[in-house]
């Protein structure tokens, strides 16, 4: 009984009730609650990973473009690999590997 009285006094305290109500409101009902913040952080992480991937792709593409502008052999290689072009006296076989 001695333990229950102080606990009840704390639970009846208006500042305690207001504080708990404020915390519940801020955690679950506020427009900027914790769920929204965690979802935005997850989306930000995904966008940063995507940005890194796209930056690497841009770097590779620029490198490939500079080769195509300067080297005739790379133009022929690119045309053969990407567009399946061939010379007149050649046969072309396309083999697709299962993924």
Protein backbone atom coordinates (compact mmCIF):
# COMPACT_ATOMS: atom_id res chain seq x y z
CA UNK A 1 0.00 0.00 0.00
CA UNK A 2 2.94 2.31 0.73
CA UNK A 3 4.23 1.76 -2.79
CA UNK A 4 0.88 2.35 -4.52
CA UNK A 5 0.21 5.79 -2.97
CA UNK A 6 3.27 7.58 -4.46
CA UNK A 7 2.61 6.00 -7.87
CA UNK A 8 -1.00 7.21 -7.81
CA UNK A 9 0.13 10.68 -6.78
CA UNK A 10 2.48 10.84 -9.75
CA UNK A 11 -0.22 9.57 -12.14
CA UNK A 12 -2.67 12.20 -10.83
CA UNK A 13 -0.14 15.01 -11.31
CA UNK A 14 -1.39 17.40 -14.01
CA UNK A 15 2.14 18.07 -15.31
CA UNK A 16 2.79 14.34 -15.71
CA UNK A 17 -0.50 13.88 -17.57
CA UNK A 18 0.24 16.90 -19.80
CA UNK A 19 3.77 15.62 -20.50
CA UNK A 20 2.58 12.14 -21.43
CA UNK A 21 -0.16 13.62 -23.60
CA UNK A 22 2.40 15.84 -25.34
CA UNK A 23 4.74 12.92 -26.01
CA UNK A 24 1.93 10.77 -27.39
CA UNK A 25 0.77 13.63 -29.62
CA UNK A 26 4.27 14.34 -30.95
CA UNK A 27 5.08 10.67 -31.56
CA UNK A 28 1.88 9.55 -33.28
CA UNK A 29 -0.49 12.37 -34.27
CA UNK A 30 1.74 15.25 -35.29
CA UNK A 31 2.19 15.79 -39.06
CA UNK A 32 5.93 15.31 -38.59
CA UNK A 33 5.84 12.16 -36.46
CA UNK A 34 8.60 9.57 -36.09
CA UNK A 35 7.16 7.29 -38.76
CA UNK A 36 7.32 10.04 -41.36
CA UNK A 37 10.83 11.01 -40.34
CA UNK A 38 12.08 7.43 -40.59
CA UNK A 39 10.39 6.98 -43.98
CA UNK A 40 12.04 10.15 -45.25
CA UNK A 41 15.44 9.05 -43.96
CA UNK A 42 15.01 5.71 -45.76
CA UNK A 43 14.05 7.49 -48.99
CA UNK A 44 17.03 9.84 -48.61
CA UNK A 45 19.37 6.85 -48.26
CA UNK A 46 17.91 5.25 -51.40
CA UNK A 47 18.28 8.51 -53.34
CA UNK A 48 21.91 8.90 -52.26
CA UNK A 49 22.68 5.35 -53.41
CA UNK A 50 20.94 6.05 -56.70
CA UNK A 51 22.92 9.27 -57.09
CA UNK A 52 26.21 7.41 -56.59
CA UNK A 53 25.20 4.77 -59.14
CA UNK A 54 24.16 7.38 -61.69
CA UNK A 55 27.35 9.37 -61.12
CA UNK A 56 29.40 6.26 -61.94
CA UNK A 57 27.31 5.64 -65.05
CA UNK A 58 27.83 9.25 -66.20
CA UNK A 59 31.57 8.90 -65.65
CA UNK A 60 31.70 5.70 -67.72
CA UNK A 61 29.58 7.22 -70.47
CA UNK A 62 31.80 10.31 -70.71
CA UNK A 63 34.86 8.07 -70.91
CA UNK A 64 33.24 6.02 -73.66
CA UNK A 65 32.22 9.20 -75.52
CA UNK A 66 35.75 10.56 -75.44
CA UNK A 67 37.00 7.25 -76.89
CA UNK A 68 34.38 7.36 -79.64
CA UNK A 69 35.37 10.91 -80.55
CA UNK A 70 39.07 10.12 -80.83
CA UNK A 71 39.54 6.48 -81.88
CA UNK A 72 38.17 4.90 -85.07
CA UNK A 73 38.70 1.37 -83.76
CA UNK A 74 36.53 2.10 -80.76
CA UNK A 75 33.75 3.36 -83.06
CA UNK A 76 33.82 0.06 -84.96
CA UNK A 77 33.86 -1.95 -81.72
CA UNK A 78 30.95 0.07 -80.33
CA UNK A 79 28.89 -0.40 -83.51
CA UNK A 80 29.54 -4.15 -83.52
CA UNK A 81 28.68 -4.63 -79.82
CA UNK A 82 25.72 -2.30 -79.43
CA UNK A 83 24.04 -2.36 -82.83
CA UNK A 84 25.19 -5.80 -84.07
CA UNK A 85 26.70 -4.37 -87.25
CA UNK A 86 28.94 -6.57 -89.37
CA UNK A 87 31.17 -6.43 -92.39
CA UNK A 88 29.97 -7.76 -95.74
CA UNK A 89 32.03 -10.94 -95.62
CA UNK A 90 31.09 -11.89 -92.03
CA UNK A 91 28.34 -13.94 -90.43
CA UNK A 92 26.89 -12.78 -87.15
CA UNK A 93 25.74 -15.19 -84.45
CA UNK A 94 24.03 -13.79 -81.35
CA UNK A 95 24.17 -16.07 -78.34
CA UNK A 96 22.20 -15.02 -75.29
CA UNK A 97 23.18 -16.55 -71.99
CA UNK A 98 20.48 -17.43 -69.45
CA UNK A 99 20.38 -15.03 -66.55
